[in-house]
Amino acid sequence: MVRNSLRPDEILGLLAAAPAEIAAAAKALTAAETEAAPRAGQWSLVELLAHLRACADVWGGAMAAIADGEPGPLRAVNPLTWVERTDYRTLPFNVSLRAYTEQRQDLLPQLRRLPAAGWERTVVVTGAGRPLQRSVLFYGRWLAGHERSHRRQIWDTAAAVRGTLQGG
């Protein structure tokens, strides 16, 4: 359940800032460092970015469809399931970051054009229990809030792996 009250302008700010923040966290890391997990059972930067891309595919895709006036119903997709259908976890970090950035650059203008009422546009979502009414705002809060929750993890992971694979 989404329990945040982000406004559309805050959502847009968070979504716009995410690619640059991820790039900044990983700046100067080697490919091997982006693939290294800080500890057993933790995600590497490649895996974190794969997760964020899957979430952006699913929730960003729902936002775009609803904003475009998709009559629905939309089928619910779990990003954890979706990532299994992709090659995101096997892609080099820089390739995945470029795709994530491009995807975001495609979504943001569409959202910026939405009038206030457009954020409240809804569609029926099926496939996750009883049918639910979901809005652009709902998915925007979910996506932006979820990415915000991973920011510290991205920075911590980058700091933990930085320099660890350089013979030391």
C-alpha atoms as a PDB file:
ATOM      1  CA  MET A   1       0.000   0.000   0.000  1.00  0.00           C
ATOM      2  CA  VAL A   2       1.234   3.472  -0.839  1.00  0.00           C
ATOM      3  CA  ARG A   3       1.215   5.702   2.219  1.00  0.00           C
ATOM      4  CA  ASN A   4       2.773   8.895   1.022  1.00  0.00           C
ATOM      5  CA  SER A   5       1.227  12.169   0.087  1.00  0.00           C
ATOM      6  CA  LEU A   6       3.634  13.385  -2.555  1.00  0.00           C
ATOM      7  CA  ARG A   7       2.183  16.082  -4.772  1.00  0.00           C
ATOM      8  CA  PRO A   8       2.579  15.882  -8.549  1.00  0.00           C
ATOM      9  CA  ASP A   9       5.350  18.501  -8.526  1.00  0.00           C
ATOM     10  CA  GLU A  10       7.246  16.494  -5.895  1.00  0.00           C
ATOM     11  CA  ILE A  11       6.765  13.291  -7.866  1.00  0.00           C
ATOM     12  CA  LEU A  12       8.091  14.963 -10.999  1.00  0.00           C
ATOM     13  CA  GLY A  13      11.107  16.296  -9.099  1.00  0.00           C
ATOM     14  CA  LEU A  14      11.965  12.906  -7.623  1.00  0.00           C
ATOM     15  CA  LEU A  15      11.487  11.067 -10.909  1.00  0.00           C
ATOM     16  CA  ALA A  16      13.582  13.637 -12.780  1.00  0.00           C
ATOM     17  CA  ALA A  17      16.427  13.518 -10.251  1.00  0.00           C
ATOM     18  CA  ALA A  18      16.731   9.733  -9.975  1.00  0.00           C
ATOM     19  CA  PRO A  19      18.880   8.952 -13.061  1.00  0.00           C
ATOM     20  CA  ALA A  20      21.447  11.648 -12.260  1.00  0.00           C
ATOM     21  CA  GLU A  21      21.591  10.595  -8.623  1.00  0.00           C
ATOM     22  CA  ILE A  22      22.195   6.972  -9.568  1.00  0.00           C
ATOM     23  CA  ALA A  23      24.913   8.071 -11.998  1.00  0.00           C
ATOM     24  CA  ALA A  24      26.521  10.237  -9.318  1.00  0.00           C
ATOM     25  CA  ALA A  25      26.529   7.380  -6.805  1.00  0.00           C
ATOM     26  CA  ALA A  26      28.254   5.083  -9.284  1.00  0.00           C
ATOM     27  CA  LYS A  27      30.652   7.674 -10.643  1.00  0.00           C
ATOM     28  CA  ALA A  28      34.155   6.283 -11.216  1.00  0.00           C
ATOM     29  CA  LEU A  29      33.198   2.739 -10.258  1.00  0.00           C
ATOM     30  CA  THR A  30      34.569  -0.019 -12.435  1.00  0.00           C
ATOM     31  CA  ALA A  31      32.264  -2.475 -14.152  1.00  0.00           C
ATOM     32  CA  ALA A  32      33.380  -5.121 -11.674  1.00  0.00           C
ATOM     33  CA  GLU A  33      32.515  -2.852  -8.746  1.00  0.00           C
ATOM     34  CA  THR A  34      28.988  -2.252 -10.100  1.00  0.00           C
ATOM     35  CA  GLU A  35      28.548  -6.031 -10.297  1.00  0.00           C
ATOM     36  CA  ALA A  36      29.852  -6.687  -6.768  1.00  0.00           C
ATOM     37  CA  ALA A  37      27.502  -7.105  -3.830  1.00  0.00           C
ATOM     38  CA  PRO A  38      28.734  -5.470  -0.615  1.00  0.00           C
ATOM     39  CA  ARG A  39      27.919  -8.653   1.337  1.00  0.00           C
ATOM     40  CA  ALA A  40      26.406 -12.041   0.643  1.00  0.00           C
ATOM     41  CA  GLY A  41      22.682 -11.700   0.122  1.00  0.00           C
ATOM     42  CA  GLN A  42      22.806  -7.993  -0.755  1.00  0.00           C
ATOM     43  CA  TRP A  43      22.181  -6.552  -4.196  1.00  0.00           C
ATOM     44  CA  SER A  44      24.911  -5.141  -6.383  1.00  0.00           C
ATOM     45  CA  LEU A  45      24.389  -1.818  -8.164  1.00  0.00           C
ATOM     46  CA  VAL A  46      23.570  -3.766 -11.340  1.00  0.00           C
ATOM     47  CA  GLU A  47      20.875  -5.668  -9.433  1.00  0.00           C
ATOM     48  CA  LEU A  48      19.523  -2.531  -7.753  1.00  0.00           C
ATOM     49  CA  LEU A  49      19.271  -0.784 -11.097  1.00  0.00           C
ATOM     50  CA  ALA A  50      17.620  -3.863 -12.642  1.00  0.00           C
ATOM     51  CA  HIS A  51      15.030  -3.695  -9.866  1.00  0.00           C
ATOM     52  CA  LEU A  52      14.436   0.031 -10.376  1.00  0.00           C
ATOM     53  CA  ARG A  53      14.124  -0.470 -14.132  1.00  0.00           C
ATOM     54  CA  ALA A  54      11.526  -3.203 -13.624  1.00  0.00           C
ATOM     55  CA  CYS A  55       9.560  -0.934 -11.289  1.00  0.00           C
ATOM     56  CA  ALA A  56       9.800   1.893 -13.819  1.00  0.00           C
ATOM     57  CA  ASP A  57       8.607  -0.459 -16.577  1.00  0.00           C
ATOM     58  CA  VAL A  58       5.608  -1.606 -14.588  1.00  0.00           C
ATOM     59  CA  TRP A  59       4.524   1.467 -12.637  1.00  0.00           C
ATOM     60  CA  GLY A  60       5.812   4.046 -15.112  1.00  0.00           C
ATOM     61  CA  GLY A  61       4.129   2.086 -17.881  1.00  0.00           C
ATOM     62  CA  ALA A  62       0.862   2.139 -15.956  1.00  0.00           C
ATOM     63  CA  MET A  63       1.206   5.894 -15.436  1.00  0.00           C
ATOM     64  CA  ALA A  64       1.790   6.438 -19.159  1.00  0.00           C
ATOM     65  CA  ALA A  65      -1.148   4.231 -20.141  1.00  0.00           C
ATOM     66  CA  ILE A  66      -3.536   5.957 -17.754  1.00  0.00           C
ATOM     67  CA  ALA A  67      -2.269   9.417 -18.733  1.00  0.00           C
ATOM     68  CA  ASP A  68      -2.842   8.500 -22.390  1.00  0.00           C
ATOM     69  CA  GLY A  69      -6.440   7.637 -21.572  1.00  0.00           C
ATOM     70  CA  GLU A  70      -6.133   3.836 -21.641  1.00  0.00           C
ATOM     71  CA  PRO A  71      -9.681   2.671 -20.950  1.00  0.00           C
ATOM     72  CA  GLY A  72      -8.449  -0.387 -19.081  1.00  0.00           C
ATOM     73  CA  PRO A  73      -8.540  -2.675 -17.509  1.00  0.00           C
ATOM     74  CA  LEU A  74      -4.804  -2.883 -16.959  1.00  0.00           C
ATOM     75  CA  ARG A  75      -3.279  -6.126 -15.778  1.00  0.00           C
ATOM     76  CA  ALA A  76      -1.310  -5.883 -12.527  1.00  0.00           C
ATOM     77  CA  VAL A  77       2.305  -6.976 -12.878  1.00  0.00           C
ATOM     78  CA  ASN A  78       4.702  -7.447  -9.993  1.00  0.00           C
ATOM     79  CA  PRO A  79       8.095  -5.826 -10.764  1.00  0.00           C
ATOM     80  CA  LEU A  80       9.838  -8.736  -9.009  1.00  0.00           C
ATOM     81  CA  THR A  81       8.217 -11.064 -11.518  1.00  0.00           C
ATOM     82  CA  TRP A  82       8.773  -8.685 -14.431  1.00  0.00           C
ATOM     83  CA  VAL A  83      12.535  -8.433 -13.861  1.00  0.00           C
ATOM     84  CA  GLU A  84      12.748 -12.208 -14.312  1.00  0.00           C
ATOM     85  CA  ARG A  85      11.443 -11.771 -17.866  1.00  0.00           C
ATOM     86  CA  THR A  86      14.166  -9.275 -18.750  1.00  0.00           C
ATOM     87  CA  ASP A  87      17.917  -9.313 -19.223  1.00  0.00           C
ATOM     88  CA  TYR A  88      18.374  -6.340 -16.879  1.00  0.00           C
ATOM     89  CA  ARG A  89      20.453  -8.253 -14.330  1.00  0.00           C
ATOM     90  CA  THR A  90      22.941  -9.317 -17.009  1.00  0.00           C
ATOM     91  CA  LEU A  91      23.437  -5.929 -18.642  1.00  0.00           C
ATOM     92  CA  PRO A  92      26.436  -3.735 -17.877  1.00  0.00           C
ATOM     93  CA  PHE A  93      25.544  -0.973 -15.432  1.00  0.00           C
ATOM     94  CA  ASN A  94      26.186   1.839 -17.923  1.00  0.00           C
ATOM     95  CA  VAL A  95      23.959   0.213 -20.561  1.00  0.00           C
ATOM     96  CA  SER A  96      21.153  -0.248 -18.066  1.00  0.00           C
ATOM     97  CA  LEU A  97      21.535   3.286 -16.702  1.00  0.00           C
ATOM     98  CA  ARG A  98      21.320   4.714 -20.223  1.00  0.00           C
ATOM     99  CA  ALA A  99      18.102   2.757 -20.900  1.00  0.00           C
ATOM    100  CA  TYR A 100      16.637   3.799 -17.525  1.00  0.00           C
ATOM    101  CA  THR A 101      17.490   7.438 -18.233  1.00  0.00           C
ATOM    102  CA  GLU A 102      15.945   7.309 -21.700  1.00  0.00           C
ATOM    103  CA  GLN A 103      12.810   5.704 -20.333  1.00  0.00           C
ATOM    104  CA  ARG A 104      12.524   8.467 -17.744  1.00  0.00           C
ATOM    105  CA  GLN A 105      13.119  11.137 -20.399  1.00  0.00           C
ATOM    106  CA  ASP A 106      10.187   9.686 -22.351  1.00  0.00           C
ATOM    107  CA  LEU A 107       7.842   9.552 -19.348  1.00  0.00           C
ATOM    108  CA  LEU A 108       8.487  12.954 -17.785  1.00  0.00           C
ATOM    109  CA  PRO A 109       7.216  15.168 -20.640  1.00  0.00           C
ATOM    110  CA  GLN A 110       4.021  13.141 -20.751  1.00  0.00           C
ATOM    111  CA  LEU A 111       3.492  13.668 -17.025  1.00  0.00           C
ATOM    112  CA  ARG A 112       4.433  17.366 -17.146  1.00  0.00           C
ATOM    113  CA  ARG A 113       1.715  17.952 -19.749  1.00  0.00           C
ATOM    114  CA  LEU A 114      -0.965  16.489 -17.500  1.00  0.00           C
ATOM    115  CA  PRO A 115      -3.411  19.001 -16.078  1.00  0.00           C
ATOM    116  CA  ALA A 116      -4.126  18.635 -12.368  1.00  0.00           C
ATOM    117  CA  ALA A 117      -7.221  16.571 -13.118  1.00  0.00           C
ATOM    118  CA  GLY A 118      -5.144  14.252 -15.300  1.00  0.00           C
ATOM    119  CA  TRP A 119      -3.244  13.032 -12.243  1.00  0.00           C
ATOM    120  CA  GLU A 120      -6.573  11.820 -10.836  1.00  0.00           C
ATOM    121  CA  ARG A 121      -7.488   9.893 -14.004  1.00  0.00           C
ATOM    122  CA  THR A 122      -8.107   6.247 -13.074  1.00  0.00           C
ATOM    123  CA  VAL A 123      -8.297   2.830 -14.636  1.00  0.00           C
ATOM    124  CA  VAL A 124      -9.336  -0.552 -13.304  1.00  0.00           C
ATOM    125  CA  VAL A 125      -6.388  -2.826 -12.531  1.00  0.00           C
ATOM    126  CA  THR A 126      -6.981  -6.570 -12.420  1.00  0.00           C
ATOM    127  CA  GLY A 127      -4.922  -9.614 -11.598  1.00  0.00           C
ATOM    128  CA  ALA A 128      -3.878  -8.857  -8.029  1.00  0.00           C
ATOM    129  CA  GLY A 129      -6.973  -9.910  -6.152  1.00  0.00           C
ATOM    130  CA  ARG A 130     -10.130  -7.882  -6.522  1.00  0.00           C
ATOM    131  CA  PRO A 131     -10.154  -5.234  -9.280  1.00  0.00           C
ATOM    132  CA  LEU A 132      -8.789  -1.901  -8.072  1.00  0.00           C
ATOM    133  CA  GLN A 133      -9.138   1.689  -9.252  1.00  0.00           C
ATOM    134  CA  ARG A 134      -5.672   3.190  -9.692  1.00  0.00           C
ATOM    135  CA  SER A 135      -4.712   6.687 -10.796  1.00  0.00           C
ATOM    136  CA  VAL A 136      -1.683   8.311 -12.335  1.00  0.00           C
ATOM    137  CA  LEU A 137      -1.130   9.919  -8.936  1.00  0.00           C
ATOM    138  CA  PHE A 138      -1.257   6.556  -7.166  1.00  0.00           C
ATOM    139  CA  TYR A 139       1.412   5.066  -9.428  1.00  0.00           C
ATOM    140  CA  GLY A 140       3.465   8.267  -9.337  1.00  0.00           C
ATOM    141  CA  ARG A 141       3.541   8.214  -5.557  1.00  0.00           C
ATOM    142  CA  TRP A 142       4.374   4.526  -5.580  1.00  0.00           C
ATOM    143  CA  LEU A 143       7.211   4.841  -8.104  1.00  0.00           C
ATOM    144  CA  ALA A 144       8.746   8.025  -6.695  1.00  0.00           C
ATOM    145  CA  GLY A 145       8.415   6.820  -3.106  1.00  0.00           C
ATOM    146  CA  HIS A 146       9.898   3.444  -3.935  1.00  0.00           C
ATOM    147  CA  GLU A 147      12.866   4.957  -5.739  1.00  0.00           C
ATOM    148  CA  ARG A 148      13.377   7.390  -2.888  1.00  0.00           C
ATOM    149  CA  SER A 149      13.528   4.454  -0.482  1.00  0.00           C
ATOM    150  CA  HIS A 150      16.358   2.905  -2.530  1.00  0.00           C
ATOM    151  CA  ARG A 151      18.510   6.071  -2.710  1.00  0.00           C
ATOM    152  CA  ARG A 152      20.435   5.429   0.504  1.00  0.00           C
ATOM    153  CA  GLN A 153      20.886   1.782  -0.486  1.00  0.00           C
ATOM    154  CA  ILE A 154      22.407   2.844  -3.817  1.00  0.00           C
ATOM    155  CA  TRP A 155      24.827   5.270  -2.155  1.00  0.00           C
ATOM    156  CA  ASP A 156      25.721   2.772   0.581  1.00  0.00           C
ATOM    157  CA  THR A 157      26.318   0.009  -1.948  1.00  0.00           C
ATOM    158  CA  ALA A 158      28.509   2.234  -4.103  1.00  0.00           C
ATOM    159  CA  ALA A 159      30.542   3.310  -1.083  1.00  0.00           C
ATOM    160  CA  ALA A 160      30.926  -0.276   0.124  1.00  0.00           C
ATOM    161  CA  VAL A 161      32.247  -1.608  -3.188  1.00  0.00           C
ATOM    162  CA  ARG A 162      34.324   1.435  -4.217  1.00  0.00           C
ATOM    163  CA  GLY A 163      37.965   0.407  -4.339  1.00  0.00           C
ATOM    164  CA  THR A 164      37.393  -3.051  -2.894  1.00  0.00           C
ATOM    165  CA  LEU A 165      38.321  -4.857  -6.098  1.00  0.00           C
ATOM    166  CA  GLN A 166      41.545  -2.986  -6.823  1.00  0.00           C
ATOM    167  CA  GLY A 167      43.877  -5.498  -5.304  1.00  0.00           C
ATOM    168  CA  GLY A 168      43.249  -4.426  -1.763  1.00  0.00           C
END
